[in-house]
Amino acid sequence: MLDSEEAFAEFVQAAKNEGYQVPINERWQGMQNIRRASYEETRYKIEQYYRKLSL
């Protein structure tokens, strides 16, 4: 059993990193921003690429 909000957030992050879809209740604070790690890495790379183009 998960005993805290932090433990639940870690569980959701791990599940998403493994490719599972985890439905999140809109009323749960801070849970909407948990994204798959590969998504965040790709988003960062694209952001850096477009920053270089705009210079």
C-alpha atoms as a PDB file:
ATOM      1  CA  MET A   1       0.000   0.000   0.000  1.00  0.00           C
ATOM      2  CA  LEU A   2       1.235   3.488  -0.805  1.00  0.00           C
ATOM      3  CA  ASP A   3       1.439   5.651   2.293  1.00  0.00           C
ATOM      4  CA  SER A   4       1.987   9.139   0.902  1.00  0.00           C
ATOM      5  CA  GLU A   5       1.391  11.397  -2.064  1.00  0.00           C
ATOM      6  CA  GLU A   6       5.104  11.203  -2.926  1.00  0.00           C
ATOM      7  CA  ALA A   7       5.025   7.400  -2.975  1.00  0.00           C
ATOM      8  CA  PHE A   8       1.974   7.491  -5.236  1.00  0.00           C
ATOM      9  CA  ALA A   9       3.680   9.981  -7.585  1.00  0.00           C
ATOM     10  CA  GLU A  10       6.746   7.706  -7.776  1.00  0.00           C
ATOM     11  CA  PHE A  11       4.495   4.731  -8.526  1.00  0.00           C
ATOM     12  CA  VAL A  12       2.692   6.630 -11.308  1.00  0.00           C
ATOM     13  CA  GLN A  13       6.027   7.781 -12.783  1.00  0.00           C
ATOM     14  CA  ALA A  14       7.414   4.233 -12.777  1.00  0.00           C
ATOM     15  CA  ALA A  15       4.267   2.863 -14.398  1.00  0.00           C
ATOM     16  CA  LYS A  16       4.319   5.520 -17.119  1.00  0.00           C
ATOM     17  CA  ASN A  17       8.023   4.902 -17.778  1.00  0.00           C
ATOM     18  CA  GLU A  18       7.167   1.252 -18.402  1.00  0.00           C
ATOM     19  CA  GLY A  19       4.493   2.226 -20.935  1.00  0.00           C
ATOM     20  CA  TYR A  20       1.363   1.878 -18.832  1.00  0.00           C
ATOM     21  CA  GLN A  21      -1.443   4.397 -19.142  1.00  0.00           C
ATOM     22  CA  VAL A  22      -2.423   5.649 -15.708  1.00  0.00           C
ATOM     23  CA  PRO A  23      -5.710   7.544 -15.420  1.00  0.00           C
ATOM     24  CA  ILE A  24      -5.377  10.470 -13.045  1.00  0.00           C
ATOM     25  CA  ASN A  25      -8.247  12.189 -11.273  1.00  0.00           C
ATOM     26  CA  GLU A  26      -8.346  15.906 -12.184  1.00  0.00           C
ATOM     27  CA  ARG A  27      -8.754  16.842  -8.515  1.00  0.00           C
ATOM     28  CA  TRP A  28      -5.434  15.315  -7.463  1.00  0.00           C
ATOM     29  CA  GLN A  29      -2.974  18.172  -7.089  1.00  0.00           C
ATOM     30  CA  GLY A  30       0.326  17.847  -8.949  1.00  0.00           C
ATOM     31  CA  MET A  31      -0.411  14.513 -10.593  1.00  0.00           C
ATOM     32  CA  GLN A  32      -1.360  15.942 -14.002  1.00  0.00           C
ATOM     33  CA  ASN A  33       2.254  16.911 -14.715  1.00  0.00           C
ATOM     34  CA  ILE A  34       3.700  13.415 -14.420  1.00  0.00           C
ATOM     35  CA  ARG A  35       4.864  12.378 -17.872  1.00  0.00           C
ATOM     36  CA  ARG A  36       6.822   9.482 -19.255  1.00  0.00           C
ATOM     37  CA  ALA A  37      10.590  10.091 -18.944  1.00  0.00           C
ATOM     38  CA  SER A  38      11.165   9.462 -22.663  1.00  0.00           C
ATOM     39  CA  TYR A  39       8.564  12.134 -23.457  1.00  0.00           C
ATOM     40  CA  GLU A  40      10.375  14.689 -21.313  1.00  0.00           C
ATOM     41  CA  GLU A  41      13.740  13.826 -22.913  1.00  0.00           C
ATOM     42  CA  THR A  42      12.329  14.178 -26.427  1.00  0.00           C
ATOM     43  CA  ARG A  43      10.585  17.432 -25.563  1.00  0.00           C
ATOM     44  CA  TYR A  44      13.864  18.834 -24.210  1.00  0.00           C
ATOM     45  CA  LYS A  45      15.793  17.817 -27.347  1.00  0.00           C
ATOM     46  CA  ILE A  46      13.213  19.421 -29.630  1.00  0.00           C
ATOM     47  CA  GLU A  47      13.215  22.570 -27.513  1.00  0.00           C
ATOM     48  CA  GLN A  48      17.021  22.805 -27.734  1.00  0.00           C
ATOM     49  CA  TYR A  49      16.942  22.215 -31.495  1.00  0.00           C
ATOM     50  CA  TYR A  50      14.502  25.079 -32.085  1.00  0.00           C
ATOM     51  CA  ARG A  51      16.454  27.386 -29.772  1.00  0.00           C
ATOM     52  CA  LYS A  52      19.566  26.819 -31.910  1.00  0.00           C
ATOM     53  CA  LEU A  53      17.575  27.596 -35.062  1.00  0.00           C
ATOM     54  CA  SER A  54      16.295  30.878 -33.660  1.00  0.00           C
ATOM     55  CA  LEU A  55      19.795  32.231 -32.901  1.00  0.00           C
END
